[in-house]
Amino acid sequence: MDKRLAAFRGAICVENTAESITENVCLMCRELFSRNNIKAEDIVSLQFSITDDITVLNPATALRKGNPGLDVSQVPLFCCQEAKIEGGMKLVVRALLTAYIEEGAERHNVYLNGAEKLRPGAFSK
């Protein structure tokens, strides 16, 4: 079967501790990988953004140190700070995963731990 390039969104709320960031970033990524049947060799890149109140750990570092369910040691990871918007949700890590998937496969975005409020009714739990 042919593969095509696809993008997946994810977001999760965290506490500003290394433990919370590591645990939650790995949870979000495990869910993205498993719900979309992603293998490490299919991943092109994974980009994170964080709100400005997350200051203790970069999510890319957290993912490399944690257990995301896949070996991501060869995956290009990148992180930047989210634009500061008045009234925006606090303590959020967002992800943009780019990977090859089977042609015609469904895509599932993942919003967890309070981040569901970012896209009410639009994405899976």
PDB file of N, CA and C in Angstrom:
ATOM      1  N   MET A   1       0.841  -1.185   0.000  1.00  0.00           N
ATOM      2  CA  MET A   1       0.000   0.000   0.000  1.00  0.00           C
ATOM      3  C   MET A   1       0.887   1.250   0.000  1.00  0.00           C
ATOM      4  N   ASP A   2       0.457   2.270  -0.684  1.00  0.00           N
ATOM      5  CA  ASP A   2       1.207   3.520  -0.761  1.00  0.00           C
ATOM      6  C   ASP A   2       1.077   4.321   0.524  1.00  0.00           C
ATOM      7  N   LYS A   3       2.110   5.113   0.787  1.00  0.00           N
ATOM      8  CA  LYS A   3       2.086   5.994   1.955  1.00  0.00           C
ATOM      9  C   LYS A   3       2.048   7.432   1.495  1.00  0.00           C
ATOM     10  N   ARG A   4       1.511   8.287   2.368  1.00  0.00           N
ATOM     11  CA  ARG A   4       1.466   9.718   2.096  1.00  0.00           C
ATOM     12  C   ARG A   4       1.888  10.460   3.344  1.00  0.00           C
ATOM     13  N   LEU A   5       2.326  11.683   3.140  1.00  0.00           N
ATOM     14  CA  LEU A   5       2.749  12.526   4.251  1.00  0.00           C
ATOM     15  C   LEU A   5       1.518  13.113   4.935  1.00  0.00           C
ATOM     16  N   ALA A   6       1.518  13.082   6.265  1.00  0.00           N
ATOM     17  CA  ALA A   6       0.387  13.604   7.033  1.00  0.00           C
ATOM     18  C   ALA A   6       0.911  14.336   8.266  1.00  0.00           C
ATOM     19  N   ALA A   7       0.080  15.213   8.789  1.00  0.00           N
ATOM     20  CA  ALA A   7       0.422  15.951  10.007  1.00  0.00           C
ATOM     21  C   ALA A   7      -0.636  15.680  11.064  1.00  0.00           C
ATOM     22  N   PHE A   8      -0.190  15.621  12.310  1.00  0.00           N
ATOM     23  CA  PHE A   8      -1.057  15.333  13.446  1.00  0.00           C
ATOM     24  C   PHE A   8      -0.806  16.374  14.519  1.00  0.00           C
ATOM     25  N   ARG A   9      -1.898  16.806  15.163  1.00  0.00           N
ATOM     26  CA  ARG A   9      -1.784  17.794  16.245  1.00  0.00           C
ATOM     27  C   ARG A   9      -2.012  17.122  17.574  1.00  0.00           C
ATOM     28  N   GLY A  10      -1.353  17.655  18.569  1.00  0.00           N
ATOM     29  CA  GLY A  10      -1.554  17.194  19.931  1.00  0.00           C
ATOM     30  C   GLY A  10      -1.355  18.347  20.884  1.00  0.00           C
ATOM     31  N   ALA A  11      -1.974  18.255  22.044  1.00  0.00           N
ATOM     32  CA  ALA A  11      -1.769  19.250  23.095  1.00  0.00           C
ATOM     33  C   ALA A  11      -2.084  18.597  24.429  1.00  0.00           C
ATOM     34  N   ILE A  12      -1.363  19.049  25.445  1.00  0.00           N
ATOM     35  CA  ILE A  12      -1.589  18.527  26.788  1.00  0.00           C
ATOM     36  C   ILE A  12      -1.231  19.612  27.799  1.00  0.00           C
ATOM     37  N   CYS A  13      -1.982  19.676  28.872  1.00  0.00           N
ATOM     38  CA  CYS A  13      -1.676  20.610  29.951  1.00  0.00           C
ATOM     39  C   CYS A  13      -0.742  19.917  30.941  1.00  0.00           C
ATOM     40  N   VAL A  14       0.204  20.684  31.481  1.00  0.00           N
ATOM     41  CA  VAL A  14       1.213  20.155  32.391  1.00  0.00           C
ATOM     42  C   VAL A  14       1.340  21.070  33.598  1.00  0.00           C
ATOM     43  N   GLU A  15       2.086  20.611  34.590  1.00  0.00           N
ATOM     44  CA  GLU A  15       2.545  21.479  35.665  1.00  0.00           C
ATOM     45  C   GLU A  15       3.983  21.851  35.326  1.00  0.00           C
ATOM     46  N   ASN A  16       4.464  22.930  35.864  1.00  0.00           N
ATOM     47  CA  ASN A  16       5.818  23.382  35.556  1.00  0.00           C
ATOM     48  C   ASN A  16       6.846  22.653  36.434  1.00  0.00           C
ATOM     49  N   THR A  17       6.853  21.320  36.299  1.00  0.00           N
ATOM     50  CA  THR A  17       7.860  20.489  36.964  1.00  0.00           C
ATOM     51  C   THR A  17       8.420  19.539  35.914  1.00  0.00           C
ATOM     52  N   ALA A  18       9.661  19.139  36.097  1.00  0.00           N
ATOM     53  CA  ALA A  18      10.270  18.210  35.150  1.00  0.00           C
ATOM     54  C   ALA A  18       9.487  16.899  35.082  1.00  0.00           C
ATOM     55  N   GLU A  19       9.010  16.432  36.217  1.00  0.00           N
ATOM     56  CA  GLU A  19       8.264  15.173  36.261  1.00  0.00           C
ATOM     57  C   GLU A  19       6.964  15.272  35.473  1.00  0.00           C
ATOM     58  N   SER A  20       6.214  16.338  35.689  1.00  0.00           N
ATOM     59  CA  SER A  20       4.941  16.510  34.992  1.00  0.00           C
ATOM     60  C   SER A  20       5.147  16.670  33.493  1.00  0.00           C
ATOM     61  N   ILE A  21       6.127  17.466  33.115  1.00  0.00           N
ATOM     62  CA  ILE A  21       6.384  17.678  31.685  1.00  0.00           C
ATOM     63  C   ILE A  21       6.781  16.364  31.027  1.00  0.00           C
ATOM     64  N   THR A  22       7.695  15.626  31.645  1.00  0.00           N
ATOM     65  CA  THR A  22       8.134  14.355  31.071  1.00  0.00           C
ATOM     66  C   THR A  22       6.977  13.371  30.962  1.00  0.00           C
ATOM     67  N   GLU A  23       6.259  13.189  32.053  1.00  0.00           N
ATOM     68  CA  GLU A  23       5.143  12.234  32.064  1.00  0.00           C
ATOM     69  C   GLU A  23       4.093  12.587  31.021  1.00  0.00           C
ATOM     70  N   ASN A  24       3.705  13.846  30.966  1.00  0.00           N
ATOM     71  CA  ASN A  24       2.610  14.248  30.084  1.00  0.00           C
ATOM     72  C   ASN A  24       3.014  14.331  28.617  1.00  0.00           C
ATOM     73  N   VAL A  25       4.221  14.797  28.330  1.00  0.00           N
ATOM     74  CA  VAL A  25       4.693  14.831  26.942  1.00  0.00           C
ATOM     75  C   VAL A  25       4.773  13.395  26.397  1.00  0.00           C
ATOM     76  N   CYS A  26       5.303  12.477  27.211  1.00  0.00           N
ATOM     77  CA  CYS A  26       5.388  11.083  26.770  1.00  0.00           C
ATOM     78  C   CYS A  26       4.000  10.473  26.586  1.00  0.00           C
ATOM     79  N   LEU A  27       3.064  10.794  27.475  1.00  0.00           N
ATOM     80  CA  LEU A  27       1.686  10.316  27.327  1.00  0.00           C
ATOM     81  C   LEU A  27       1.085  10.818  26.022  1.00  0.00           C
ATOM     82  N   MET A  28       1.193  12.119  25.762  1.00  0.00           N
ATOM     83  CA  MET A  28       0.635  12.689  24.539  1.00  0.00           C
ATOM     84  C   MET A  28       1.244  12.018  23.305  1.00  0.00           C
ATOM     85  N   CYS A  29       2.552  11.844  23.309  1.00  0.00           N
ATOM     86  CA  CYS A  29       3.214  11.238  22.148  1.00  0.00           C
ATOM     87  C   CYS A  29       2.853   9.771  21.994  1.00  0.00           C
ATOM     88  N   ARG A  30       2.788   9.022  23.088  1.00  0.00           N
ATOM     89  CA  ARG A  30       2.342   7.614  23.009  1.00  0.00           C
ATOM     90  C   ARG A  30       0.964   7.526  22.369  1.00  0.00           C
ATOM     91  N   GLU A  31       0.071   8.424  22.773  1.00  0.00           N
ATOM     92  CA  GLU A  31      -1.284   8.426  22.218  1.00  0.00           C
ATOM     93  C   GLU A  31      -1.265   8.793  20.732  1.00  0.00           C
ATOM     94  N   LEU A  32      -0.491   9.804  20.363  1.00  0.00           N
ATOM     95  CA  LEU A  32      -0.375  10.163  18.943  1.00  0.00           C
ATOM     96  C   LEU A  32       0.154   8.989  18.129  1.00  0.00           C
ATOM     97  N   PHE A  33       1.213   8.346  18.621  1.00  0.00           N
ATOM     98  CA  PHE A  33       1.815   7.231  17.893  1.00  0.00           C
ATOM     99  C   PHE A  33       0.853   6.046  17.796  1.00  0.00           C
ATOM    100  N   SER A  34       0.250   5.666  18.913  1.00  0.00           N
ATOM    101  CA  SER A  34      -0.599   4.461  18.907  1.00  0.00           C
ATOM    102  C   SER A  34      -1.915   4.686  18.170  1.00  0.00           C
ATOM    103  N   ARG A  35      -2.572   5.801  18.383  1.00  0.00           N
ATOM    104  CA  ARG A  35      -3.862   6.047  17.712  1.00  0.00           C
ATOM    105  C   ARG A  35      -3.712   6.167  16.200  1.00  0.00           C
ATOM    106  N   ASN A  36      -2.513   6.516  15.747  1.00  0.00           N
ATOM    107  CA  ASN A  36      -2.286   6.713  14.311  1.00  0.00           C
ATOM    108  C   ASN A  36      -1.377   5.653  13.701  1.00  0.00           C
ATOM    109  N   ASN A  37      -1.074   4.616  14.497  1.00  0.00           N
ATOM    110  CA  ASN A  37      -0.255   3.497  14.021  1.00  0.00           C
ATOM    111  C   ASN A  37       1.065   3.985  13.422  1.00  0.00           C
ATOM    112  N   ILE A  38       1.727   4.907  14.134  1.00  0.00           N
ATOM    113  CA  ILE A  38       2.977   5.507  13.678  1.00  0.00           C
ATOM    114  C   ILE A  38       4.158   4.683  14.190  1.00  0.00           C
ATOM    115  N   LYS A  39       5.074   4.397  13.309  1.00  0.00           N
ATOM    116  CA  LYS A  39       6.331   3.742  13.668  1.00  0.00           C
ATOM    117  C   LYS A  39       7.440   4.792  13.612  1.00  0.00           C
ATOM    118  N   ALA A  40       8.508   4.572  14.365  1.00  0.00           N
ATOM    119  CA  ALA A  40       9.594   5.556  14.428  1.00  0.00           C
ATOM    120  C   ALA A  40      10.142   5.879  13.044  1.00  0.00           C
ATOM    121  N   GLU A  41      10.280   4.870  12.194  1.00  0.00           N
ATOM    122  CA  GLU A  41      10.853   5.094  10.860  1.00  0.00           C
ATOM    123  C   GLU A  41       9.937   5.906   9.944  1.00  0.00           C
ATOM    124  N   ASP A  42       8.662   6.058  10.316  1.00  0.00           N
ATOM    125  CA  ASP A  42       7.714   6.844   9.523  1.00  0.00           C
ATOM    126  C   ASP A  42       7.734   8.329   9.869  1.00  0.00           C
ATOM    127  N   ILE A  43       8.351   8.675  10.998  1.00  0.00           N
ATOM    128  CA  ILE A  43       8.309  10.062  11.478  1.00  0.00           C
ATOM    129  C   ILE A  43       9.324  10.915  10.724  1.00  0.00           C
ATOM    130  N   VAL A  44       8.845  12.043  10.211  1.00  0.00           N
ATOM    131  CA  VAL A  44       9.704  13.023   9.551  1.00  0.00           C
ATOM    132  C   VAL A  44      10.256  13.990  10.605  1.00  0.00           C
ATOM    133  N   SER A  45       9.382  14.525  11.452  1.00  0.00           N
ATOM    134  CA  SER A  45       9.814  15.424  12.518  1.00  0.00           C
ATOM    135  C   SER A  45       8.684  15.600  13.523  1.00  0.00           C
ATOM    136  N   LEU A  46       9.058  16.097  14.680  1.00  0.00           N
ATOM    137  CA  LEU A  46       8.094  16.377  15.743  1.00  0.00           C
ATOM    138  C   LEU A  46       8.468  17.733  16.331  1.00  0.00           C
ATOM    139  N   GLN A  47       7.532  18.677  16.222  1.00  0.00           N
ATOM    140  CA  GLN A  47       7.758  20.030  16.709  1.00  0.00           C
ATOM    141  C   GLN A  47       6.854  20.291  17.906  1.00  0.00           C
ATOM    142  N   PHE A  48       7.422  20.913  18.923  1.00  0.00           N
ATOM    143  CA  PHE A  48       6.671  21.286  20.116  1.00  0.00           C
ATOM    144  C   PHE A  48       6.638  22.797  20.239  1.00  0.00           C
ATOM    145  N   SER A  49       5.553  23.300  20.839  1.00  0.00           N
ATOM    146  CA  SER A  49       5.538  24.681  21.312  1.00  0.00           C
ATOM    147  C   SER A  49       5.060  24.639  22.753  1.00  0.00           C
ATOM    148  N   ILE A  50       5.524  25.609  23.537  1.00  0.00           N
ATOM    149  CA  ILE A  50       5.154  25.683  24.951  1.00  0.00           C
ATOM    150  C   ILE A  50       4.724  27.100  25.281  1.00  0.00           C
ATOM    151  N   THR A  51       3.813  27.205  26.228  1.00  0.00           N
ATOM    152  CA  THR A  51       3.435  28.528  26.714  1.00  0.00           C
ATOM    153  C   THR A  51       4.579  29.072  27.568  1.00  0.00           C
ATOM    154  N   ASP A  52       4.613  30.396  27.742  1.00  0.00           N
ATOM    155  CA  ASP A  52       5.770  31.034  28.389  1.00  0.00           C
ATOM    156  C   ASP A  52       5.896  30.729  29.875  1.00  0.00           C
ATOM    157  N   ASP A  53       4.895  30.068  30.463  1.00  0.00           N
ATOM    158  CA  ASP A  53       4.966  29.720  31.883  1.00  0.00           C
ATOM    159  C   ASP A  53       5.601  28.348  32.119  1.00  0.00           C
ATOM    160  N   ILE A  54       5.994  27.673  31.053  1.00  0.00           N
ATOM    161  CA  ILE A  54       6.731  26.410  31.172  1.00  0.00           C
ATOM    162  C   ILE A  54       8.207  26.756  31.052  1.00  0.00           C
ATOM    163  N   THR A  55       8.923  26.607  32.175  1.00  0.00           N
ATOM    164  CA  THR A  55      10.295  27.110  32.231  1.00  0.00           C
ATOM    165  C   THR A  55      11.326  26.097  32.711  1.00  0.00           C
ATOM    166  N   VAL A  56      10.905  24.924  33.173  1.00  0.00           N
ATOM    167  CA  VAL A  56      11.869  24.020  33.806  1.00  0.00           C
ATOM    168  C   VAL A  56      12.436  22.942  32.884  1.00  0.00           C
ATOM    169  N   LEU A  57      11.756  22.639  31.761  1.00  0.00           N
ATOM    170  CA  LEU A  57      12.239  21.565  30.908  1.00  0.00           C
ATOM    171  C   LEU A  57      11.663  21.704  29.502  1.00  0.00           C
ATOM    172  N   ASN A  58      12.510  21.518  28.519  1.00  0.00           N
ATOM    173  CA  ASN A  58      12.109  21.508  27.121  1.00  0.00           C
ATOM    174  C   ASN A  58      11.392  20.181  26.840  1.00  0.00           C
ATOM    175  N   PRO A  59      10.238  20.181  26.195  1.00  0.00           N
ATOM    176  CA  PRO A  59       9.533  18.921  25.928  1.00  0.00           C
ATOM    177  C   PRO A  59      10.306  17.963  25.028  1.00  0.00           C
ATOM    178  N   ALA A  60      11.158  18.479  24.161  1.00  0.00           N
ATOM    179  CA  ALA A  60      11.983  17.592  23.335  1.00  0.00           C
ATOM    180  C   ALA A  60      12.946  16.806  24.219  1.00  0.00           C
ATOM    181  N   THR A  61      13.536  17.465  25.189  1.00  0.00           N
ATOM    182  CA  THR A  61      14.410  16.793  26.150  1.00  0.00           C
ATOM    183  C   THR A  61      13.612  15.791  26.974  1.00  0.00           C
ATOM    184  N   ALA A  62      12.432  16.195  27.403  1.00  0.00           N
ATOM    185  CA  ALA A  62      11.567  15.292  28.179  1.00  0.00           C
ATOM    186  C   ALA A  62      11.251  14.032  27.383  1.00  0.00           C
ATOM    187  N   LEU A  63      10.953  14.195  26.108  1.00  0.00           N
ATOM    188  CA  LEU A  63      10.617  13.042  25.277  1.00  0.00           C
ATOM    189  C   LEU A  63      11.821  12.118  25.122  1.00  0.00           C
ATOM    190  N   ARG A  64      12.977  12.672  24.912  1.00  0.00           N
ATOM    191  CA  ARG A  64      14.190  11.848  24.758  1.00  0.00           C
ATOM    192  C   ARG A  64      14.515  11.094  26.050  1.00  0.00           C
ATOM    193  N   LYS A  65      14.255  11.706  27.215  1.00  0.00           N
ATOM    194  CA  LYS A  65      14.560  11.071  28.505  1.00  0.00           C
ATOM    195  C   LYS A  65      13.447  10.131  28.971  1.00  0.00           C
ATOM    196  N   GLY A  66      12.233  10.347  28.492  1.00  0.00           N
ATOM    197  CA  GLY A  66      11.098   9.563  28.947  1.00  0.00           C
ATOM    198  C   GLY A  66      10.887   8.321  28.104  1.00  0.00           C
ATOM    199  N   ASN A  67       9.694   7.760  28.224  1.00  0.00           N
ATOM    200  CA  ASN A  67       9.336   6.555  27.470  1.00  0.00           C
ATOM    201  C   ASN A  67       8.102   6.839  26.630  1.00  0.00           C
ATOM    202  N   PRO A  68       8.294   7.306  25.382  1.00  0.00           N
ATOM    203  CA  PRO A  68       7.143   7.634  24.546  1.00  0.00           C
ATOM    204  C   PRO A  68       6.535   6.430  23.821  1.00  0.00           C
ATOM    205  N   GLY A  69       7.084   5.229  24.042  1.00  0.00           N
ATOM    206  CA  GLY A  69       6.551   4.050  23.370  1.00  0.00           C
ATOM    207  C   GLY A  69       7.257   3.722  22.069  1.00  0.00           C
ATOM    208  N   LEU A  70       8.074   4.634  21.576  1.00  0.00           N
ATOM    209  CA  LEU A  70       8.883   4.409  20.374  1.00  0.00           C
ATOM    210  C   LEU A  70      10.280   4.943  20.632  1.00  0.00           C
ATOM    211  N   ASP A  71      11.245   4.389  19.934  1.00  0.00           N
ATOM    212  CA  ASP A  71      12.597   4.926  19.998  1.00  0.00           C
ATOM    213  C   ASP A  71      12.643   6.178  19.122  1.00  0.00           C
ATOM    214  N   VAL A  72      12.733   7.336  19.755  1.00  0.00           N
ATOM    215  CA  VAL A  72      12.752   8.595  19.015  1.00  0.00           C
ATOM    216  C   VAL A  72      14.155   9.185  18.939  1.00  0.00           C
ATOM    217  N   SER A  73      15.161   8.374  19.191  1.00  0.00           N
ATOM    218  CA  SER A  73      16.539   8.876  19.232  1.00  0.00           C
ATOM    219  C   SER A  73      17.002   9.441  17.891  1.00  0.00           C
ATOM    220  N   GLN A  74      16.408   8.996  16.787  1.00  0.00           N
ATOM    221  CA  GLN A  74      16.806   9.492  15.468  1.00  0.00           C
ATOM    222  C   GLN A  74      15.788  10.464  14.869  1.00  0.00           C
ATOM    223  N   VAL A  75      14.769  10.814  15.627  1.00  0.00           N
ATOM    224  CA  VAL A  75      13.716  11.716  15.148  1.00  0.00           C
ATOM    225  C   VAL A  75      14.139  13.167  15.368  1.00  0.00           C
ATOM    226  N   PRO A  76      14.069  14.010  14.344  1.00  0.00           N
ATOM    227  CA  PRO A  76      14.354  15.431  14.543  1.00  0.00           C
ATOM    228  C   PRO A  76      13.258  16.065  15.417  1.00  0.00           C
ATOM    229  N   LEU A  77      13.666  16.637  16.530  1.00  0.00           N
ATOM    230  CA  LEU A  77      12.749  17.298  17.459  1.00  0.00           C
ATOM    231  C   LEU A  77      13.087  18.782  17.521  1.00  0.00           C
ATOM    232  N   PHE A  78      12.063  19.606  17.721  1.00  0.00           N
ATOM    233  CA  PHE A  78      12.253  21.048  17.785  1.00  0.00           C
ATOM    234  C   PHE A  78      11.246  21.620  18.762  1.00  0.00           C
ATOM    235  N   CYS A  79      11.632  22.674  19.463  1.00  0.00           N
ATOM    236  CA  CYS A  79      10.716  23.322  20.405  1.00  0.00           C
ATOM    237  C   CYS A  79      10.838  24.832  20.296  1.00  0.00           C
ATOM    238  N   CYS A  80       9.695  25.506  20.407  1.00  0.00           N
ATOM    239  CA  CYS A  80       9.688  26.966  20.426  1.00  0.00           C
ATOM    240  C   CYS A  80       8.629  27.431  21.419  1.00  0.00           C
ATOM    241  N   GLN A  81       8.667  28.716  21.734  1.00  0.00           N
ATOM    242  CA  GLN A  81       7.681  29.286  22.643  1.00  0.00           C
ATOM    243  C   GLN A  81       6.454  29.723  21.863  1.00  0.00           C
ATOM    244  N   GLU A  82       5.311  29.387  22.373  1.00  0.00           N
ATOM    245  CA  GLU A  82       4.019  29.778  21.793  1.00  0.00           C
ATOM    246  C   GLU A  82       3.865  31.303  21.893  1.00  0.00           C
ATOM    247  N   ALA A  83       3.183  31.900  20.958  1.00  0.00           N
ATOM    248  CA  ALA A  83       2.884  33.330  21.037  1.00  0.00           C
ATOM    249  C   ALA A  83       2.066  33.604  22.295  1.00  0.00           C
ATOM    250  N   LYS A  84       2.397  34.676  22.995  1.00  0.00           N
ATOM    251  CA  LYS A  84       1.664  35.032  24.213  1.00  0.00           C
ATOM    252  C   LYS A  84       0.407  35.802  23.811  1.00  0.00           C
ATOM    253  N   ILE A  85      -0.736  35.211  24.110  1.00  0.00           N
ATOM    254  CA  ILE A  85      -2.028  35.783  23.752  1.00  0.00           C
ATOM    255  C   ILE A  85      -2.820  36.049  25.028  1.00  0.00           C
ATOM    256  N   GLU A  86      -3.351  37.241  25.174  1.00  0.00           N
ATOM    257  CA  GLU A  86      -4.161  37.560  26.349  1.00  0.00           C
ATOM    258  C   GLU A  86      -5.290  36.556  26.485  1.00  0.00           C
ATOM    259  N   GLY A  87      -5.459  36.025  27.683  1.00  0.00           N
ATOM    260  CA  GLY A  87      -6.536  35.086  27.958  1.00  0.00           C
ATOM    261  C   GLY A  87      -6.265  33.674  27.455  1.00  0.00           C
ATOM    262  N   GLY A  88      -5.078  33.430  26.906  1.00  0.00           N
ATOM    263  CA  GLY A  88      -4.744  32.108  26.400  1.00  0.00           C
ATOM    264  C   GLY A  88      -4.581  31.096  27.518  1.00  0.00           C
ATOM    265  N   MET A  89      -4.778  29.831  27.179  1.00  0.00           N
ATOM    266  CA  MET A  89      -4.631  28.764  28.147  1.00  0.00           C
ATOM    267  C   MET A  89      -3.183  28.696  28.634  1.00  0.00           C
ATOM    268  N   LYS A  90      -3.015  28.441  29.902  1.00  0.00           N
ATOM    269  CA  LYS A  90      -1.692  28.374  30.531  1.00  0.00           C
ATOM    270  C   LYS A  90      -1.186  26.937  30.578  1.00  0.00           C
ATOM    271  N   LEU A  91       0.138  26.792  30.702  1.00  0.00           N
ATOM    272  CA  LEU A  91       0.809  25.514  30.929  1.00  0.00           C
ATOM    273  C   LEU A  91       0.428  24.455  29.892  1.00  0.00           C
ATOM    274  N   VAL A  92       0.554  24.826  28.618  1.00  0.00           N
ATOM    275  CA  VAL A  92       0.192  23.921  27.526  1.00  0.00           C
ATOM    276  C   VAL A  92       1.423  23.600  26.685  1.00  0.00           C
ATOM    277  N   VAL A  93       1.585  22.309  26.411  1.00  0.00           N
ATOM    278  CA  VAL A  93       2.560  21.838  25.435  1.00  0.00           C
ATOM    279  C   VAL A  93       1.763  21.403  24.215  1.00  0.00           C
ATOM    280  N   ARG A  94       2.109  21.951  23.058  1.00  0.00           N
ATOM    281  CA  ARG A  94       1.465  21.561  21.803  1.00  0.00           C
ATOM    282  C   ARG A  94       2.471  20.805  20.949  1.00  0.00           C
ATOM    283  N   ALA A  95       1.963  19.924  20.094  1.00  0.00           N
ATOM    284  CA  ALA A  95       2.846  19.142  19.227  1.00  0.00           C
ATOM    285  C   ALA A  95       2.308  19.137  17.806  1.00  0.00           C
ATOM    286  N   LEU A  96       3.231  19.124  16.870  1.00  0.00           N
ATOM    287  CA  LEU A  96       2.914  18.934  15.460  1.00  0.00           C
ATOM    288  C   LEU A  96       3.817  17.808  14.961  1.00  0.00           C
ATOM    289  N   LEU A  97       3.214  16.651  14.742  1.00  0.00           N
ATOM    290  CA  LEU A  97       3.920  15.457  14.287  1.00  0.00           C
ATOM    291  C   LEU A  97       3.722  15.314  12.787  1.00  0.00           C
ATOM    292  N   THR A  98       4.811  15.179  12.047  1.00  0.00           N
ATOM    293  CA  THR A  98       4.746  14.949  10.610  1.00  0.00           C
ATOM    294  C   THR A  98       5.292  13.550  10.355  1.00  0.00           C
ATOM    295  N   ALA A  99       4.478  12.714   9.672  1.00  0.00           N
ATOM    296  CA  ALA A  99       4.879  11.323   9.460  1.00  0.00           C
ATOM    297  C   ALA A  99       4.205  10.772   8.209  1.00  0.00           C
ATOM    298  N   TYR A 100       4.768   9.703   7.708  1.00  0.00           N
ATOM    299  CA  TYR A 100       4.154   8.980   6.591  1.00  0.00           C
ATOM    300  C   TYR A 100       3.168   7.958   7.143  1.00  0.00           C
ATOM    301  N   ILE A 101       1.977   7.917   6.546  1.00  0.00           N
ATOM    302  CA  ILE A 101       0.946   6.953   6.943  1.00  0.00           C
ATOM    303  C   ILE A 101       0.417   6.261   5.690  1.00  0.00           C
ATOM    304  N   GLU A 102      -0.262   5.149   5.914  1.00  0.00           N
ATOM    305  CA  GLU A 102      -0.870   4.425   4.808  1.00  0.00           C
ATOM    306  C   GLU A 102      -1.917   5.309   4.126  1.00  0.00           C
ATOM    307  N   GLU A 103      -1.932   5.263   2.809  1.00  0.00           N
ATOM    308  CA  GLU A 103      -2.929   6.011   2.029  1.00  0.00           C
ATOM    309  C   GLU A 103      -4.321   5.627   2.520  1.00  0.00           C
ATOM    310  N   GLY A 104      -5.149   6.607   2.805  1.00  0.00           N
ATOM    311  CA  GLY A 104      -6.522   6.369   3.236  1.00  0.00           C
ATOM    312  C   GLY A 104      -6.702   6.149   4.725  1.00  0.00           C
ATOM    313  N   ALA A 105      -5.610   6.095   5.482  1.00  0.00           N
ATOM    314  CA  ALA A 105      -5.723   5.889   6.929  1.00  0.00           C
ATOM    315  C   ALA A 105      -6.337   7.122   7.586  1.00  0.00           C
ATOM    316  N   GLU A 106      -7.132   6.877   8.618  1.00  0.00           N
ATOM    317  CA  GLU A 106      -7.700   7.982   9.391  1.00  0.00           C
ATOM    318  C   GLU A 106      -6.609   8.658  10.202  1.00  0.00           C
ATOM    319  N   ARG A 107      -6.808   9.945  10.473  1.00  0.00           N
ATOM    320  CA  ARG A 107      -5.886  10.687  11.329  1.00  0.00           C
ATOM    321  C   ARG A 107      -6.604  11.047  12.618  1.00  0.00           C
ATOM    322  N   HIS A 108      -5.879  10.888  13.726  1.00  0.00           N
ATOM    323  CA  HIS A 108      -6.450  11.185  15.042  1.00  0.00           C
ATOM    324  C   HIS A 108      -5.530  12.162  15.767  1.00  0.00           C
ATOM    325  N   ASN A 109      -6.055  13.340  16.055  1.00  0.00           N
ATOM    326  CA  ASN A 109      -5.342  14.319  16.859  1.00  0.00           C
ATOM    327  C   ASN A 109      -5.617  14.009  18.328  1.00  0.00           C
ATOM    328  N   VAL A 110      -4.750  14.448  19.207  1.00  0.00           N
ATOM    329  CA  VAL A 110      -4.839  14.087  20.622  1.00  0.00           C
ATOM    330  C   VAL A 110      -4.760  15.340  21.482  1.00  0.00           C
ATOM    331  N   TYR A 111      -5.797  15.580  22.259  1.00  0.00           N
ATOM    332  CA  TYR A 111      -5.850  16.692  23.206  1.00  0.00           C
ATOM    333  C   TYR A 111      -6.204  16.110  24.562  1.00  0.00           C
ATOM    334  N   LEU A 112      -5.301  16.268  25.539  1.00  0.00           N
ATOM    335  CA  LEU A 112      -5.430  15.584  26.825  1.00  0.00           C
ATOM    336  C   LEU A 112      -5.219  16.510  28.014  1.00  0.00           C
ATOM    337  N   ASN A 113      -5.681  16.043  29.172  1.00  0.00           N
ATOM    338  CA  ASN A 113      -5.375  16.671  30.462  1.00  0.00           C
ATOM    339  C   ASN A 113      -5.796  18.139  30.525  1.00  0.00           C
ATOM    340  N   GLY A 114      -6.962  18.433  29.993  1.00  0.00           N
ATOM    341  CA  GLY A 114      -7.480  19.805  30.008  1.00  0.00           C
ATOM    342  C   GLY A 114      -7.321  20.534  28.695  1.00  0.00           C
ATOM    343  N   ALA A 115      -6.438  20.068  27.829  1.00  0.00           N
ATOM    344  CA  ALA A 115      -6.225  20.737  26.540  1.00  0.00           C
ATOM    345  C   ALA A 115      -7.378  20.506  25.574  1.00  0.00           C
ATOM    346  N   GLU A 116      -8.299  19.626  25.917  1.00  0.00           N
ATOM    347  CA  GLU A 116      -9.485  19.408  25.074  1.00  0.00           C
ATOM    348  C   GLU A 116     -10.250  20.711  24.875  1.00  0.00           C
ATOM    349  N   LYS A 117     -10.127  21.633  25.820  1.00  0.00           N
ATOM    350  CA  LYS A 117     -10.809  22.927  25.737  1.00  0.00           C
ATOM    351  C   LYS A 117     -10.343  23.748  24.536  1.00  0.00           C
ATOM    352  N   LEU A 118      -9.143  23.414  24.019  1.00  0.00           N
ATOM    353  CA  LEU A 118      -8.630  24.148  22.859  1.00  0.00           C
ATOM    354  C   LEU A 118      -9.428  23.851  21.600  1.00  0.00           C
ATOM    355  N   ARG A 119      -9.997  22.669  21.508  1.00  0.00           N
ATOM    356  CA  ARG A 119     -10.757  22.231  20.334  1.00  0.00           C
ATOM    357  C   ARG A 119     -11.995  21.457  20.764  1.00  0.00           C
ATOM    358  N   PRO A 120     -12.931  22.104  21.443  1.00  0.00           N
ATOM    359  CA  PRO A 120     -14.099  21.388  21.962  1.00  0.00           C
ATOM    360  C   PRO A 120     -14.887  20.695  20.850  1.00  0.00           C
ATOM    361  N   GLY A 121     -15.095  19.385  21.019  1.00  0.00           N
ATOM    362  CA  GLY A 121     -15.904  18.625  20.070  1.00  0.00           C
ATOM    363  C   GLY A 121     -15.235  18.300  18.753  1.00  0.00           C
ATOM    364  N   ALA A 122     -14.011  18.774  18.532  1.00  0.00           N
ATOM    365  CA  ALA A 122     -13.394  18.591  17.229  1.00  0.00           C
ATOM    366  C   ALA A 122     -12.491  17.379  17.138  1.00  0.00           C
ATOM    367  N   PHE A 123     -11.952  16.909  18.263  1.00  0.00           N
ATOM    368  CA  PHE A 123     -10.967  15.838  18.220  1.00  0.00           C
ATOM    369  C   PHE A 123     -11.298  14.764  19.230  1.00  0.00           C
ATOM    370  N   SER A 124     -10.580  13.645  19.082  1.00  0.00           N
ATOM    371  CA  SER A 124     -10.771  12.527  19.986  1.00  0.00           C
ATOM    372  C   SER A 124     -10.304  12.888  21.392  1.00  0.00           C
ATOM    373  N   LYS A 125     -10.779  12.109  22.358  1.00  0.00           N
ATOM    374  CA  LYS A 125     -10.483  12.346  23.770  1.00  0.00           C
ATOM    375  C   LYS A 125      -9.005  12.358  24.055  1.00  0.00           C
TER     376      LYS A 125
END
